[in-house]
Amino acid sequence: MKMRDNFGIHIVSDLYGCDPRKLMRMEEIKKILETTVEKSGLTKIKSSFHQFNPPGVTGFVLLAESHVAIHTWPEYGYVSLDVYSCGPPDGSFSVHKRIIDFFKPKKASTRVFTRGKLDESHSYTDIKTVSHRT
């Protein structure tokens, strides 16, 4: 059995220039997130979504492996997307790509984090240093 060197991949994206009509449709957003999770081989535990008025959507799919979360601002054509899985990295990247393909942003800013590195040499010893703004 291969030893792990981390606990997962966390993909955080800001999507700009998305079609505002797509960002208002809670049922469509719910369906695309749940479908991408299923097609990517991840395990859905449950999901919850909320439709705002004025329009916008927030929601998540809770996974056995972690979560997929989304927040939309149709008035700005903006989507905040969060994909975290402690399963195989391919699942996280597959979910992320399918959601990007659905929203078709004109511009995206994405960061990928390795979570829980088992080599703690780069960790802070004083959590207050990173937990509080000065």
Protein backbone atom coordinates (compact mmCIF):
# COMPACT_ATOMS: atom_id res chain seq x y z
CA MET A 1 0.00 0.00 0.00
CA LYS A 2 1.36 3.41 -1.01
CA MET A 3 1.90 5.88 1.84
CA ARG A 4 0.12 9.21 1.56
CA ASP A 5 2.03 12.47 1.63
CA ASN A 6 -1.11 14.62 2.03
CA PHE A 7 -4.81 14.43 2.81
CA GLY A 8 -6.27 15.95 -0.31
CA ILE A 9 -6.54 18.52 -3.06
CA HIS A 10 -8.47 21.77 -2.56
CA ILE A 11 -9.32 23.77 -5.68
CA VAL A 12 -10.57 27.33 -5.20
CA SER A 13 -11.77 29.31 -8.23
CA ASP A 14 -13.19 32.73 -8.98
CA LEU A 15 -15.14 32.66 -12.25
CA TYR A 16 -15.79 35.96 -14.02
CA GLY A 17 -17.94 36.83 -17.02
CA CYS A 18 -20.44 33.99 -16.59
CA ASP A 19 -23.92 34.14 -18.09
CA PRO A 20 -26.05 35.78 -15.35
CA ARG A 21 -29.09 33.69 -16.36
CA LYS A 22 -27.24 30.48 -15.45
CA LEU A 23 -26.25 31.96 -12.10
CA MET A 24 -29.89 32.46 -11.08
CA ARG A 25 -31.13 28.91 -11.70
CA MET A 26 -30.83 26.98 -8.45
CA GLU A 27 -32.25 23.70 -9.77
CA GLU A 28 -29.93 23.74 -12.77
CA ILE A 29 -26.90 24.51 -10.58
CA LYS A 30 -27.87 21.77 -8.13
CA LYS A 31 -28.23 19.27 -10.98
CA ILE A 32 -24.86 20.13 -12.53
CA LEU A 33 -23.02 19.86 -9.20
CA GLU A 34 -24.65 16.56 -8.25
CA THR A 35 -24.14 15.13 -11.75
CA THR A 36 -20.47 16.14 -11.88
CA VAL A 37 -19.87 14.54 -8.48
CA GLU A 38 -21.46 11.29 -9.67
CA LYS A 39 -19.58 11.26 -13.01
CA SER A 40 -16.29 11.96 -11.22
CA GLY A 41 -16.59 8.92 -9.00
CA LEU A 42 -16.99 10.84 -5.75
CA THR A 43 -19.57 9.90 -3.12
CA LYS A 44 -22.45 12.29 -2.39
CA ILE A 45 -23.75 12.18 1.18
CA LYS A 46 -26.25 15.03 0.82
CA SER A 47 -26.68 18.47 -0.71
CA SER A 48 -28.29 21.74 0.23
CA PHE A 49 -28.97 24.79 -1.93
CA HIS A 50 -30.60 28.16 -1.33
CA GLN A 51 -32.12 30.61 -3.85
CA PHE A 52 -31.67 34.27 -2.94
CA ASN A 53 -33.97 37.14 -3.90
CA PRO A 54 -32.60 39.21 -5.63
CA PRO A 55 -31.34 36.20 -7.59
CA GLY A 56 -28.25 34.28 -6.66
CA VAL A 57 -27.55 30.80 -5.39
CA THR A 58 -25.48 29.27 -2.62
CA GLY A 59 -25.08 25.58 -2.11
CA PHE A 60 -22.94 22.60 -1.40
CA VAL A 61 -22.64 18.90 -1.99
CA LEU A 62 -21.31 17.12 1.07
CA LEU A 63 -19.06 14.27 0.00
CA ALA A 64 -17.71 11.24 1.81
CA GLU A 65 -14.42 12.66 0.52
CA SER A 66 -15.22 16.29 1.62
CA HIS A 67 -17.28 18.92 -0.31
CA VAL A 68 -18.11 21.01 -3.37
CA ALA A 69 -19.44 24.51 -2.62
CA ILE A 70 -20.72 27.28 -4.89
CA HIS A 71 -21.91 30.88 -4.50
CA THR A 72 -23.22 32.96 -7.40
CA TRP A 73 -23.65 36.69 -7.96
CA PRO A 74 -25.61 37.05 -11.23
CA GLU A 75 -25.44 40.84 -11.10
CA TYR A 76 -21.64 40.55 -11.47
CA GLY A 77 -21.50 37.40 -13.61
CA TYR A 78 -19.39 35.91 -10.81
CA VAL A 79 -19.11 32.42 -9.31
CA SER A 80 -17.11 31.41 -6.25
CA LEU A 81 -16.28 27.69 -6.52
CA ASP A 82 -14.68 25.42 -3.93
CA VAL A 83 -13.82 21.75 -4.60
CA TYR A 84 -12.11 19.74 -1.87
CA SER A 85 -11.60 16.00 -1.85
CA CYS A 86 -9.40 13.72 0.17
CA GLY A 87 -10.03 11.05 -2.47
CA PRO A 88 -7.92 10.56 -5.57
CA PRO A 89 -6.94 13.96 -7.09
CA ASP A 90 -8.52 13.00 -10.43
CA GLY A 91 -11.98 13.25 -8.81
CA SER A 92 -11.41 16.84 -7.65
CA PHE A 93 -10.01 17.94 -11.01
CA SER A 94 -12.82 16.20 -12.91
CA VAL A 95 -15.55 17.92 -10.85
CA HIS A 96 -13.80 21.27 -11.25
CA LYS A 97 -13.42 20.94 -15.03
CA ARG A 98 -17.03 19.89 -15.56
CA ILE A 99 -18.34 22.85 -13.54
CA ILE A 100 -16.05 25.27 -15.42
CA ASP A 101 -17.28 23.80 -18.71
CA PHE A 102 -20.88 24.42 -17.60
CA PHE A 103 -20.44 28.07 -16.59
CA LYS A 104 -18.01 28.97 -19.41
CA PRO A 105 -16.40 31.95 -17.65
CA LYS A 106 -14.61 34.56 -19.73
CA LYS A 107 -11.91 34.65 -17.06
CA ALA A 108 -11.01 32.41 -14.13
CA SER A 109 -8.59 32.64 -11.26
CA THR A 110 -7.79 29.24 -9.74
CA ARG A 111 -5.55 28.12 -6.89
CA VAL A 112 -4.83 24.52 -6.01
CA PHE A 113 -3.83 23.66 -2.47
CA THR A 114 -2.42 20.44 -1.13
CA ARG A 115 -4.15 19.90 2.20
CA GLY A 116 -2.61 18.25 5.23
CA LYS A 117 0.95 17.79 4.07
CA LEU A 118 2.36 15.07 6.25
CA ASP A 119 5.77 16.73 6.05
CA GLU A 120 5.11 19.54 8.51
CA SER A 121 8.41 21.37 7.93
CA HIS A 122 6.54 24.31 6.33
CA SER A 123 3.91 24.63 9.07
CA TYR A 124 3.58 27.56 11.44
CA THR A 125 4.17 26.73 15.08
CA ASP A 126 2.20 29.74 16.35
CA ILE A 127 -1.37 29.46 15.04
CA LYS A 128 -2.12 33.01 16.24
CA THR A 129 0.29 34.26 13.59
CA VAL A 130 -2.02 33.07 10.82
CA SER A 131 -5.37 33.22 12.61
CA HIS A 132 -5.50 36.87 13.56
CA ARG A 133 -5.06 39.95 11.45
CA THR A 134 -2.86 42.60 12.95
